[in-house]
């Protein structure tokens, strides 16, 4: 999340630079912000580090092209962008890097519950019980919530209405999705052998 106040020391316009160097500097600023951020950075926040007339989308496109062939990439996630390692390097990272607490460590059942939430959100624990035919433990809901994969959704305005659950931006990041529209449809799940025909 960006600071609430503008940095008065930052020369956004860079009028003293030729156009090509100005563009390159804006790209590098966006790259630095994405590199430093642990979560996707929205367009509005990136616009704070470039000049008035600069297109964040075009700068991102040029940065993506500039990073082509590198081990990391710019990815659109939810309403923002982030830098992440390309999937081809996952095995190398697991082999040599200390990424212990980044692993989701979800069991198959946990992923099934998470998928049910993603496909049916907002959903209550009773709604999950209807899908799975048994009560979903508060402990499992708590673990998914603690990992930032789910959050509480809208509640009915009536007194005592049950909590609902929805997936979060962290869910999109963890499963490499730009939005919930990228979830596989029923036909894709059938083709993968993950759903009954």
N, C-alpha and C. Protein backbone atom coordinates (compact mmCIF):
# COMPACT_ATOMS: atom_id res chain seq x y z
N UNK A 1 0.84 -1.17 0.00
CA UNK A 1 0.00 0.00 0.00
C UNK A 1 0.89 1.24 0.00
N UNK A 2 0.54 2.21 -0.74
CA UNK A 2 1.33 3.43 -0.86
C UNK A 2 1.15 4.32 0.37
N UNK A 3 2.12 5.19 0.56
CA UNK A 3 2.02 6.16 1.64
C UNK A 3 0.83 7.06 1.39
N UNK A 4 0.28 7.60 2.48
CA UNK A 4 -0.86 8.50 2.35
C UNK A 4 -0.44 9.90 1.91
N UNK A 5 0.84 10.21 2.02
CA UNK A 5 1.28 11.55 1.64
C UNK A 5 2.26 11.46 0.46
N UNK A 6 2.28 12.49 -0.33
CA UNK A 6 3.16 12.52 -1.49
C UNK A 6 4.58 12.86 -1.04
N UNK A 7 5.57 12.26 -1.69
CA UNK A 7 6.96 12.55 -1.40
C UNK A 7 7.34 13.79 -2.22
N UNK A 8 7.55 14.90 -1.55
CA UNK A 8 7.83 16.15 -2.25
C UNK A 8 9.21 16.16 -2.87
N UNK A 9 10.10 15.25 -2.46
CA UNK A 9 11.45 15.20 -3.02
C UNK A 9 11.50 14.45 -4.35
N UNK A 10 10.46 13.77 -4.71
CA UNK A 10 10.48 12.97 -5.93
C UNK A 10 10.11 13.82 -7.13
N UNK A 11 11.05 13.94 -8.06
CA UNK A 11 10.80 14.65 -9.31
C UNK A 11 10.10 13.68 -10.24
N UNK A 12 8.80 13.81 -10.34
CA UNK A 12 8.01 12.89 -11.18
C UNK A 12 8.16 13.18 -12.65
N UNK A 13 8.26 14.44 -13.01
CA UNK A 13 8.24 14.82 -14.42
C UNK A 13 9.57 14.59 -15.14
N UNK A 14 10.68 14.74 -14.44
CA UNK A 14 12.02 14.53 -15.02
C UNK A 14 12.23 15.34 -16.30
N UNK A 15 11.81 16.58 -16.29
CA UNK A 15 11.89 17.44 -17.47
C UNK A 15 13.32 17.67 -17.96
N UNK A 16 14.31 17.49 -17.08
CA UNK A 16 15.70 17.72 -17.47
C UNK A 16 16.28 16.56 -18.28
N UNK A 17 15.56 15.45 -18.40
CA UNK A 17 16.05 14.29 -19.15
C UNK A 17 15.44 14.24 -20.55
N UNK A 18 16.19 13.71 -21.52
CA UNK A 18 15.60 13.47 -22.83
C UNK A 18 14.48 12.43 -22.70
N UNK A 19 13.56 12.45 -23.63
CA UNK A 19 12.36 11.60 -23.55
C UNK A 19 12.68 10.13 -23.34
N UNK A 20 13.68 9.58 -24.07
CA UNK A 20 13.97 8.14 -23.95
C UNK A 20 14.54 7.80 -22.57
N UNK A 21 15.39 8.68 -22.02
CA UNK A 21 15.93 8.43 -20.69
C UNK A 21 14.87 8.63 -19.61
N UNK A 22 13.97 9.56 -19.83
CA UNK A 22 12.85 9.79 -18.90
C UNK A 22 12.00 8.52 -18.82
N UNK A 23 11.65 7.97 -19.98
CA UNK A 23 10.84 6.76 -20.04
C UNK A 23 11.53 5.60 -19.32
N UNK A 24 12.84 5.45 -19.59
CA UNK A 24 13.62 4.37 -18.96
C UNK A 24 13.62 4.56 -17.44
N UNK A 25 13.77 5.79 -16.95
CA UNK A 25 13.77 6.04 -15.52
C UNK A 25 12.40 5.71 -14.91
N UNK A 26 11.33 6.05 -15.59
CA UNK A 26 10.00 5.72 -15.08
C UNK A 26 9.83 4.19 -15.02
N UNK A 27 10.33 3.49 -16.05
CA UNK A 27 10.26 2.02 -16.01
C UNK A 27 11.01 1.47 -14.80
N UNK A 28 12.21 2.00 -14.53
CA UNK A 28 13.02 1.52 -13.41
C UNK A 28 12.35 1.84 -12.07
N UNK A 29 11.67 2.98 -12.00
CA UNK A 29 10.94 3.29 -10.77
C UNK A 29 9.83 2.29 -10.53
N UNK A 30 9.09 1.98 -11.57
CA UNK A 30 8.03 0.98 -11.44
C UNK A 30 8.61 -0.36 -11.04
N UNK A 31 9.71 -0.75 -11.68
CA UNK A 31 10.38 -2.01 -11.34
C UNK A 31 10.79 -2.02 -9.86
N UNK A 32 11.36 -0.91 -9.37
CA UNK A 32 11.79 -0.84 -7.98
C UNK A 32 10.62 -0.96 -7.02
N UNK A 33 9.51 -0.29 -7.33
CA UNK A 33 8.32 -0.37 -6.48
C UNK A 33 7.79 -1.80 -6.45
N UNK A 34 7.71 -2.44 -7.62
CA UNK A 34 7.22 -3.82 -7.67
C UNK A 34 8.15 -4.76 -6.92
N UNK A 35 9.45 -4.54 -7.05
CA UNK A 35 10.44 -5.38 -6.38
C UNK A 35 10.30 -5.27 -4.86
N UNK A 36 10.06 -4.06 -4.38
CA UNK A 36 10.00 -3.83 -2.93
C UNK A 36 8.68 -4.24 -2.29
N UNK A 37 7.63 -4.40 -3.09
CA UNK A 37 6.32 -4.67 -2.54
C UNK A 37 6.05 -6.17 -2.38
N UNK A 38 5.47 -6.52 -1.26
CA UNK A 38 5.12 -7.92 -1.00
C UNK A 38 3.76 -8.29 -1.58
N UNK A 39 3.01 -7.31 -2.04
CA UNK A 39 1.69 -7.57 -2.60
C UNK A 39 1.54 -6.82 -3.92
N UNK A 40 0.55 -7.18 -4.72
CA UNK A 40 0.35 -6.48 -5.99
C UNK A 40 0.15 -4.98 -5.79
N UNK A 41 0.75 -4.20 -6.67
CA UNK A 41 0.69 -2.74 -6.56
C UNK A 41 -0.30 -2.21 -7.60
N UNK A 42 -1.33 -1.50 -7.15
CA UNK A 42 -2.33 -0.98 -8.09
C UNK A 42 -1.79 0.15 -8.97
N UNK A 43 -2.44 0.35 -10.09
CA UNK A 43 -2.08 1.38 -11.08
C UNK A 43 -1.95 2.76 -10.41
N UNK A 44 -2.91 3.10 -9.54
CA UNK A 44 -2.90 4.43 -8.91
C UNK A 44 -1.61 4.65 -8.12
N UNK A 45 -1.13 3.63 -7.44
CA UNK A 45 0.11 3.76 -6.66
C UNK A 45 1.31 3.90 -7.58
N UNK A 46 1.34 3.14 -8.68
CA UNK A 46 2.46 3.25 -9.62
C UNK A 46 2.47 4.62 -10.30
N UNK A 47 1.28 5.17 -10.53
CA UNK A 47 1.19 6.49 -11.17
C UNK A 47 1.83 7.58 -10.32
N UNK A 48 2.03 7.33 -9.04
CA UNK A 48 2.62 8.33 -8.14
C UNK A 48 4.13 8.51 -8.35
N UNK A 49 4.76 7.60 -9.11
CA UNK A 49 6.21 7.68 -9.30
C UNK A 49 6.60 8.06 -10.73
N UNK A 50 5.61 8.35 -11.57
CA UNK A 50 5.89 8.74 -12.95
C UNK A 50 5.23 10.08 -13.25
N UNK A 51 5.58 10.66 -14.39
CA UNK A 51 5.05 11.96 -14.77
C UNK A 51 3.58 11.94 -15.11
N UNK A 52 2.99 13.13 -15.15
CA UNK A 52 1.57 13.32 -15.41
C UNK A 52 1.07 12.59 -16.64
N UNK A 53 1.72 12.74 -17.77
CA UNK A 53 1.22 12.17 -19.01
C UNK A 53 1.66 10.74 -19.27
N UNK A 54 2.42 10.15 -18.37
CA UNK A 54 2.95 8.81 -18.60
C UNK A 54 1.86 7.75 -18.43
N UNK A 55 1.85 6.77 -19.32
CA UNK A 55 0.90 5.66 -19.23
C UNK A 55 1.53 4.52 -18.44
N UNK A 56 0.97 4.23 -17.28
CA UNK A 56 1.48 3.13 -16.47
C UNK A 56 1.37 1.81 -17.25
N UNK A 57 0.27 1.63 -17.97
CA UNK A 57 0.10 0.38 -18.74
C UNK A 57 1.20 0.21 -19.79
N UNK A 58 1.55 1.29 -20.51
CA UNK A 58 2.61 1.20 -21.52
C UNK A 58 3.98 1.00 -20.86
N UNK A 59 4.20 1.64 -19.72
CA UNK A 59 5.45 1.43 -18.99
C UNK A 59 5.57 -0.02 -18.53
N UNK A 60 4.47 -0.58 -18.03
CA UNK A 60 4.47 -1.99 -17.61
C UNK A 60 4.75 -2.89 -18.81
N UNK A 61 4.11 -2.62 -19.95
CA UNK A 61 4.36 -3.42 -21.16
C UNK A 61 5.83 -3.39 -21.55
N UNK A 62 6.44 -2.20 -21.51
CA UNK A 62 7.86 -2.09 -21.85
C UNK A 62 8.74 -2.79 -20.82
N UNK A 63 8.36 -2.71 -19.55
CA UNK A 63 9.11 -3.41 -18.52
C UNK A 63 9.01 -4.92 -18.72
N UNK A 64 7.83 -5.41 -19.08
CA UNK A 64 7.66 -6.84 -19.35
C UNK A 64 8.57 -7.28 -20.50
N UNK A 65 8.61 -6.47 -21.56
CA UNK A 65 9.47 -6.79 -22.70
C UNK A 65 10.94 -6.76 -22.28
N UNK A 66 11.29 -5.79 -21.45
CA UNK A 66 12.67 -5.65 -20.97
C UNK A 66 13.10 -6.86 -20.14
N UNK A 67 12.16 -7.47 -19.43
CA UNK A 67 12.47 -8.61 -18.56
C UNK A 67 12.36 -9.96 -19.29
N UNK A 68 11.96 -9.93 -20.55
CA UNK A 68 11.82 -11.16 -21.33
C UNK A 68 13.13 -11.94 -21.29
N UNK A 69 13.03 -13.23 -21.01
CA UNK A 69 14.22 -14.08 -20.95
C UNK A 69 14.90 -14.08 -19.59
N UNK A 70 14.41 -13.28 -18.64
CA UNK A 70 14.98 -13.25 -17.29
C UNK A 70 14.26 -14.28 -16.43
N UNK A 71 14.77 -14.51 -15.24
CA UNK A 71 14.19 -15.51 -14.35
C UNK A 71 12.94 -15.01 -13.63
N UNK A 72 12.63 -13.73 -13.74
CA UNK A 72 11.43 -13.20 -13.11
C UNK A 72 10.64 -12.39 -14.12
N UNK A 73 9.38 -12.11 -13.76
CA UNK A 73 8.46 -11.44 -14.68
C UNK A 73 7.53 -10.53 -13.92
N UNK A 74 6.89 -9.63 -14.66
CA UNK A 74 5.83 -8.80 -14.10
C UNK A 74 4.52 -9.54 -14.35
N UNK A 75 3.74 -9.72 -13.31
CA UNK A 75 2.47 -10.43 -13.43
C UNK A 75 1.33 -9.54 -12.97
N UNK A 76 0.22 -9.59 -13.70
CA UNK A 76 -1.00 -8.87 -13.30
C UNK A 76 -1.74 -9.77 -12.32
N UNK A 77 -2.00 -9.26 -11.14
CA UNK A 77 -2.71 -10.01 -10.11
C UNK A 77 -3.74 -9.08 -9.49
N UNK A 78 -4.98 -9.55 -9.47
CA UNK A 78 -6.08 -8.75 -8.94
C UNK A 78 -6.08 -7.39 -9.64
N UNK A 79 -6.01 -6.31 -8.90
CA UNK A 79 -6.05 -4.97 -9.49
C UNK A 79 -4.68 -4.32 -9.56
N UNK A 80 -3.62 -5.13 -9.58
CA UNK A 80 -2.28 -4.55 -9.61
C UNK A 80 -1.28 -5.47 -10.28
N UNK A 81 -0.02 -5.12 -10.13
CA UNK A 81 1.06 -5.91 -10.70
C UNK A 81 2.06 -6.25 -9.61
N UNK A 82 2.82 -7.32 -9.87
CA UNK A 82 3.88 -7.71 -8.95
C UNK A 82 4.99 -8.38 -9.73
N UNK A 83 6.19 -8.39 -9.17
CA UNK A 83 7.30 -9.15 -9.73
C UNK A 83 7.27 -10.52 -9.09
N UNK A 84 7.50 -11.55 -9.90
CA UNK A 84 7.59 -12.90 -9.33
C UNK A 84 8.49 -13.74 -10.20
N UNK A 85 9.00 -14.79 -9.60
CA UNK A 85 9.86 -15.71 -10.31
C UNK A 85 9.04 -16.50 -11.32
N UNK A 86 9.61 -16.75 -12.47
CA UNK A 86 8.91 -17.55 -13.48
C UNK A 86 8.79 -18.99 -12.96
N UNK A 87 7.66 -19.64 -13.26
CA UNK A 87 7.44 -21.00 -12.76
C UNK A 87 8.54 -22.00 -13.13
N UNK A 88 9.21 -21.78 -14.23
CA UNK A 88 10.27 -22.70 -14.66
C UNK A 88 11.41 -22.80 -13.64
N UNK A 89 11.52 -21.83 -12.74
CA UNK A 89 12.61 -21.81 -11.77
C UNK A 89 12.19 -22.26 -10.38
N UNK A 90 10.98 -22.77 -10.25
CA UNK A 90 10.46 -23.18 -8.94
C UNK A 90 11.32 -24.28 -8.31
N UNK A 91 11.72 -25.28 -9.08
CA UNK A 91 12.52 -26.38 -8.52
C UNK A 91 13.88 -25.87 -8.04
N UNK A 92 14.50 -24.99 -8.80
CA UNK A 92 15.80 -24.44 -8.40
C UNK A 92 15.67 -23.65 -7.10
N UNK A 93 14.60 -22.90 -6.97
CA UNK A 93 14.39 -22.11 -5.75
C UNK A 93 14.17 -23.03 -4.56
N UNK A 94 13.32 -24.05 -4.73
CA UNK A 94 13.07 -24.98 -3.62
C UNK A 94 14.35 -25.69 -3.20
N UNK A 95 15.23 -25.96 -4.17
CA UNK A 95 16.47 -26.68 -3.89
C UNK A 95 17.47 -25.84 -3.12
N UNK A 96 17.60 -24.57 -3.46
CA UNK A 96 18.70 -23.78 -2.91
C UNK A 96 18.31 -22.60 -2.03
N UNK A 97 17.08 -22.15 -2.08
CA UNK A 97 16.72 -20.94 -1.34
C UNK A 97 15.94 -21.28 -0.07
N UNK A 98 16.01 -20.39 0.89
CA UNK A 98 15.27 -20.54 2.13
C UNK A 98 13.88 -19.92 1.94
N UNK A 99 12.92 -20.74 1.53
CA UNK A 99 11.56 -20.26 1.30
C UNK A 99 10.57 -21.03 2.16
N UNK A 100 11.05 -21.54 3.29
CA UNK A 100 10.25 -22.40 4.15
C UNK A 100 8.86 -21.92 4.46
N UNK A 101 8.71 -20.68 4.93
CA UNK A 101 7.39 -20.24 5.34
C UNK A 101 6.53 -19.75 4.18
N UNK A 102 7.04 -19.81 2.95
CA UNK A 102 6.25 -19.39 1.81
C UNK A 102 5.41 -20.53 1.24
N UNK A 103 5.78 -21.77 1.56
CA UNK A 103 5.01 -22.90 1.07
C UNK A 103 3.63 -22.89 1.73
N UNK A 104 2.61 -23.18 0.94
CA UNK A 104 1.25 -23.16 1.49
C UNK A 104 1.00 -24.31 2.44
N UNK A 105 1.59 -25.47 2.17
CA UNK A 105 1.43 -26.61 3.05
C UNK A 105 -0.02 -27.05 3.20
N UNK A 106 -0.78 -26.97 2.13
CA UNK A 106 -2.19 -27.35 2.19
C UNK A 106 -2.36 -28.81 1.81
N UNK A 107 -3.21 -29.48 2.54
CA UNK A 107 -3.57 -30.85 2.19
C UNK A 107 -4.60 -30.81 1.06
N UNK A 108 -4.85 -31.94 0.45
CA UNK A 108 -5.80 -32.02 -0.66
C UNK A 108 -7.19 -31.55 -0.23
N UNK A 109 -7.60 -31.94 0.96
CA UNK A 109 -8.92 -31.54 1.46
C UNK A 109 -8.98 -30.02 1.67
N UNK A 110 -7.88 -29.45 2.18
CA UNK A 110 -7.82 -27.99 2.38
C UNK A 110 -8.02 -27.27 1.04
N UNK A 111 -7.36 -27.76 0.02
CA UNK A 111 -7.46 -27.15 -1.31
C UNK A 111 -8.88 -27.30 -1.85
N UNK A 112 -9.51 -28.45 -1.57
CA UNK A 112 -10.90 -28.65 -2.02
C UNK A 112 -11.84 -27.64 -1.35
N UNK A 113 -11.65 -27.41 -0.06
CA UNK A 113 -12.48 -26.43 0.65
C UNK A 113 -12.21 -25.03 0.10
N UNK A 114 -10.96 -24.72 -0.14
CA UNK A 114 -10.59 -23.43 -0.70
C UNK A 114 -11.20 -23.24 -2.09
N UNK A 115 -11.19 -24.29 -2.89
CA UNK A 115 -11.81 -24.23 -4.23
C UNK A 115 -13.31 -24.01 -4.11
N UNK A 116 -13.94 -24.69 -3.16
CA UNK A 116 -15.39 -24.50 -2.97
C UNK A 116 -15.69 -23.05 -2.60
N UNK A 117 -14.86 -22.47 -1.75
CA UNK A 117 -15.06 -21.07 -1.38
C UNK A 117 -14.88 -20.19 -2.62
N UNK A 118 -13.84 -20.46 -3.39
CA UNK A 118 -13.57 -19.65 -4.58
C UNK A 118 -14.72 -19.70 -5.58
N UNK A 119 -15.26 -20.87 -5.80
CA UNK A 119 -16.32 -21.03 -6.81
C UNK A 119 -17.70 -20.59 -6.32
N UNK A 120 -17.93 -20.61 -5.02
CA UNK A 120 -19.28 -20.35 -4.50
C UNK A 120 -19.36 -19.11 -3.61
N UNK A 121 -18.33 -18.30 -3.58
CA UNK A 121 -18.31 -17.16 -2.66
C UNK A 121 -19.34 -16.09 -3.01
N UNK A 122 -19.84 -15.40 -2.03
CA UNK A 122 -19.62 -15.62 -0.60
C UNK A 122 -20.40 -16.85 -0.14
N UNK A 123 -19.79 -17.63 0.74
CA UNK A 123 -20.40 -18.88 1.19
C UNK A 123 -20.25 -19.01 2.70
N UNK A 124 -21.26 -19.59 3.33
CA UNK A 124 -21.23 -19.81 4.77
C UNK A 124 -20.67 -21.20 5.07
N UNK A 125 -20.41 -21.48 6.34
CA UNK A 125 -19.98 -22.82 6.73
C UNK A 125 -21.07 -23.84 6.42
N UNK A 126 -22.35 -23.42 6.57
CA UNK A 126 -23.45 -24.32 6.21
C UNK A 126 -23.45 -24.62 4.72
N UNK A 127 -23.13 -23.61 3.91
CA UNK A 127 -23.03 -23.83 2.47
C UNK A 127 -21.92 -24.81 2.13
N UNK A 128 -20.81 -24.71 2.85
CA UNK A 128 -19.71 -25.66 2.64
C UNK A 128 -20.13 -27.06 3.10
N UNK A 129 -20.89 -27.11 4.20
CA UNK A 129 -21.39 -28.41 4.70
C UNK A 129 -22.27 -29.07 3.65
N UNK A 130 -23.11 -28.27 2.97
CA UNK A 130 -23.96 -28.81 1.91
C UNK A 130 -23.13 -29.39 0.77
N UNK A 131 -22.02 -28.77 0.44
CA UNK A 131 -21.15 -29.25 -0.65
C UNK A 131 -20.42 -30.52 -0.24
N UNK A 132 -19.86 -30.55 0.97
CA UNK A 132 -19.01 -31.66 1.39
C UNK A 132 -19.75 -32.75 2.16
N UNK A 133 -20.99 -32.47 2.56
CA UNK A 133 -21.75 -33.47 3.29
C UNK A 133 -21.31 -33.63 4.73
N UNK A 134 -20.49 -32.72 5.21
CA UNK A 134 -20.06 -32.76 6.61
C UNK A 134 -19.61 -31.37 7.03
N UNK A 135 -19.57 -31.17 8.34
CA UNK A 135 -19.18 -29.89 8.92
C UNK A 135 -17.71 -29.59 8.58
N UNK A 136 -17.43 -28.36 8.19
CA UNK A 136 -16.05 -27.92 7.95
C UNK A 136 -15.54 -27.33 9.26
N UNK A 137 -14.40 -27.82 9.72
CA UNK A 137 -13.92 -27.40 11.04
C UNK A 137 -13.54 -25.92 11.07
N UNK A 138 -13.76 -25.34 12.21
CA UNK A 138 -13.35 -23.95 12.43
C UNK A 138 -11.82 -23.84 12.33
N UNK A 139 -11.13 -24.93 12.70
CA UNK A 139 -9.68 -24.94 12.64
C UNK A 139 -9.20 -24.79 11.18
N UNK A 140 -9.83 -25.51 10.27
CA UNK A 140 -9.46 -25.40 8.86
C UNK A 140 -9.74 -24.00 8.34
N UNK A 141 -10.92 -23.47 8.65
CA UNK A 141 -11.25 -22.10 8.24
C UNK A 141 -10.23 -21.13 8.82
N UNK A 142 -9.85 -21.34 10.07
CA UNK A 142 -8.86 -20.49 10.73
C UNK A 142 -7.50 -20.55 10.05
N UNK A 143 -7.06 -21.75 9.64
CA UNK A 143 -5.77 -21.90 8.94
C UNK A 143 -5.78 -21.19 7.60
N UNK A 144 -6.88 -21.34 6.86
CA UNK A 144 -6.98 -20.67 5.56
C UNK A 144 -7.00 -19.15 5.74
N UNK A 145 -7.69 -18.71 6.79
CA UNK A 145 -7.75 -17.28 7.09
C UNK A 145 -6.38 -16.77 7.53
N UNK A 146 -5.67 -17.53 8.38
CA UNK A 146 -4.36 -17.12 8.88
C UNK A 146 -3.33 -17.01 7.75
N UNK A 147 -3.48 -17.83 6.73
CA UNK A 147 -2.56 -17.76 5.58
C UNK A 147 -2.96 -16.64 4.62
N UNK A 148 -4.05 -15.98 4.92
CA UNK A 148 -4.49 -14.86 4.10
C UNK A 148 -5.18 -15.28 2.81
N UNK A 149 -5.57 -16.55 2.72
CA UNK A 149 -6.20 -17.06 1.50
C UNK A 149 -7.69 -16.78 1.44
N UNK A 150 -8.31 -16.65 2.61
CA UNK A 150 -9.74 -16.30 2.67
C UNK A 150 -9.94 -15.17 3.67
N UNK A 151 -11.06 -14.50 3.51
CA UNK A 151 -11.45 -13.45 4.44
C UNK A 151 -12.94 -13.56 4.66
N UNK A 152 -13.45 -12.72 5.53
CA UNK A 152 -14.90 -12.74 5.76
C UNK A 152 -15.57 -11.91 4.68
N UNK A 153 -16.70 -12.41 4.24
CA UNK A 153 -17.46 -11.74 3.19
C UNK A 153 -18.65 -11.00 3.76
N UNK A 154 -19.55 -10.60 2.90
CA UNK A 154 -20.72 -9.85 3.35
C UNK A 154 -21.63 -10.72 4.22
N UNK A 155 -22.27 -10.08 5.18
CA UNK A 155 -23.24 -10.76 6.05
C UNK A 155 -24.61 -10.17 5.81
N UNK A 156 -25.60 -11.00 5.97
CA UNK A 156 -26.98 -10.53 5.88
C UNK A 156 -27.20 -9.50 6.98
N UNK A 157 -28.01 -8.49 6.73
CA UNK A 157 -28.23 -7.46 7.75
C UNK A 157 -29.06 -7.94 8.95
N UNK A 158 -29.60 -9.16 8.89
CA UNK A 158 -30.41 -9.64 10.01
C UNK A 158 -29.51 -10.07 11.18
N UNK A 159 -30.05 -9.95 12.38
CA UNK A 159 -29.33 -10.31 13.59
C UNK A 159 -28.96 -11.78 13.60
N UNK A 160 -27.72 -12.07 13.98
CA UNK A 160 -27.28 -13.46 14.10
C UNK A 160 -26.97 -14.12 12.77
N UNK A 161 -26.94 -13.35 11.71
CA UNK A 161 -26.64 -13.92 10.39
C UNK A 161 -25.24 -14.54 10.40
N UNK A 162 -25.07 -15.67 9.72
CA UNK A 162 -23.76 -16.34 9.72
C UNK A 162 -22.73 -15.55 8.90
N UNK A 163 -21.48 -15.76 9.26
CA UNK A 163 -20.38 -15.19 8.50
C UNK A 163 -20.31 -15.88 7.14
N UNK A 164 -19.85 -15.14 6.16
CA UNK A 164 -19.57 -15.75 4.86
C UNK A 164 -18.07 -15.64 4.62
N UNK A 165 -17.59 -16.46 3.70
CA UNK A 165 -16.17 -16.49 3.38
C UNK A 165 -15.97 -16.21 1.91
N UNK A 166 -14.89 -15.49 1.62
CA UNK A 166 -14.50 -15.16 0.25
C UNK A 166 -12.99 -15.34 0.13
N UNK A 167 -12.52 -15.51 -1.08
CA UNK A 167 -11.08 -15.59 -1.30
C UNK A 167 -10.51 -14.18 -1.32
N UNK A 168 -9.20 -14.09 -1.18
CA UNK A 168 -8.52 -12.80 -1.07
C UNK A 168 -7.54 -12.60 -2.23
N UNK A 169 -6.95 -11.43 -2.24
CA UNK A 169 -5.90 -11.15 -3.22
C UNK A 169 -4.75 -12.14 -3.05
N UNK A 170 -4.43 -12.52 -1.81
CA UNK A 170 -3.36 -13.49 -1.55
C UNK A 170 -3.69 -14.84 -2.19
N UNK A 171 -4.96 -15.20 -2.22
CA UNK A 171 -5.39 -16.42 -2.91
C UNK A 171 -5.01 -16.34 -4.38
N UNK A 172 -5.31 -15.19 -5.01
CA UNK A 172 -4.97 -15.01 -6.43
C UNK A 172 -3.47 -15.13 -6.64
N UNK A 173 -2.68 -14.52 -5.76
CA UNK A 173 -1.23 -14.58 -5.88
C UNK A 173 -0.75 -16.02 -5.73
N UNK A 174 -1.24 -16.71 -4.69
CA UNK A 174 -0.78 -18.07 -4.40
C UNK A 174 -1.09 -19.04 -5.52
N UNK A 175 -2.21 -18.83 -6.21
CA UNK A 175 -2.61 -19.76 -7.27
C UNK A 175 -2.40 -19.20 -8.67
N UNK A 176 -1.60 -18.12 -8.75
CA UNK A 176 -1.19 -17.56 -10.04
C UNK A 176 -2.39 -17.19 -10.92
N UNK A 177 -3.34 -16.48 -10.33
CA UNK A 177 -4.53 -16.04 -11.04
C UNK A 177 -4.57 -14.53 -11.11
N UNK A 178 -4.98 -14.00 -12.25
CA UNK A 178 -5.15 -12.55 -12.35
C UNK A 178 -6.46 -12.13 -11.70
N UNK A 179 -7.49 -12.95 -11.87
CA UNK A 179 -8.78 -12.69 -11.26
C UNK A 179 -9.50 -14.03 -11.09
N UNK A 180 -10.67 -14.00 -10.46
CA UNK A 180 -11.45 -15.23 -10.30
C UNK A 180 -11.96 -15.75 -11.64
N UNK A 181 -11.99 -14.88 -12.66
CA UNK A 181 -12.40 -15.32 -14.02
C UNK A 181 -11.42 -16.36 -14.56
N UNK A 182 -10.20 -16.41 -13.99
CA UNK A 182 -9.19 -17.36 -14.46
C UNK A 182 -9.32 -18.74 -13.84
N UNK A 183 -10.27 -18.91 -12.91
CA UNK A 183 -10.50 -20.25 -12.36
C UNK A 183 -10.95 -21.16 -13.50
N UNK A 184 -10.51 -22.41 -13.48
CA UNK A 184 -10.94 -23.33 -14.54
C UNK A 184 -12.46 -23.51 -14.51
N UNK A 185 -13.07 -23.61 -15.69
CA UNK A 185 -14.51 -23.88 -15.73
C UNK A 185 -14.74 -25.37 -15.57
N UNK A 186 -16.01 -25.78 -15.49
CA UNK A 186 -16.34 -27.18 -15.23
C UNK A 186 -15.75 -28.12 -16.29
N UNK A 187 -15.80 -27.70 -17.54
CA UNK A 187 -15.26 -28.53 -18.62
C UNK A 187 -13.75 -28.74 -18.47
N UNK A 188 -13.02 -27.69 -18.09
CA UNK A 188 -11.58 -27.82 -17.87
C UNK A 188 -11.29 -28.75 -16.70
N UNK A 189 -12.11 -28.68 -15.66
CA UNK A 189 -11.93 -29.56 -14.51
C UNK A 189 -12.19 -31.02 -14.90
N UNK A 190 -13.23 -31.23 -15.74
CA UNK A 190 -13.50 -32.59 -16.22
C UNK A 190 -12.34 -33.12 -17.03
N UNK A 191 -11.81 -32.29 -17.94
CA UNK A 191 -10.68 -32.71 -18.79
C UNK A 191 -9.46 -33.07 -17.95
N UNK A 192 -9.28 -32.41 -16.82
CA UNK A 192 -8.15 -32.69 -15.94
C UNK A 192 -8.44 -33.85 -15.00
N UNK A 193 -9.65 -34.41 -15.06
CA UNK A 193 -10.02 -35.52 -14.19
C UNK A 193 -10.33 -35.09 -12.77
N UNK A 194 -10.68 -33.81 -12.59
CA UNK A 194 -10.95 -33.28 -11.25
C UNK A 194 -12.42 -33.09 -10.95
N UNK A 195 -13.28 -33.39 -11.93
CA UNK A 195 -14.74 -33.23 -11.72
C UNK A 195 -15.46 -34.34 -12.46
N UNK A 196 -16.59 -34.73 -11.93
CA UNK A 196 -17.38 -35.76 -12.59
C UNK A 196 -18.06 -35.16 -13.82
N UNK A 197 -18.17 -35.95 -14.85
CA UNK A 197 -18.82 -35.46 -16.06
C UNK A 197 -20.30 -35.37 -15.89
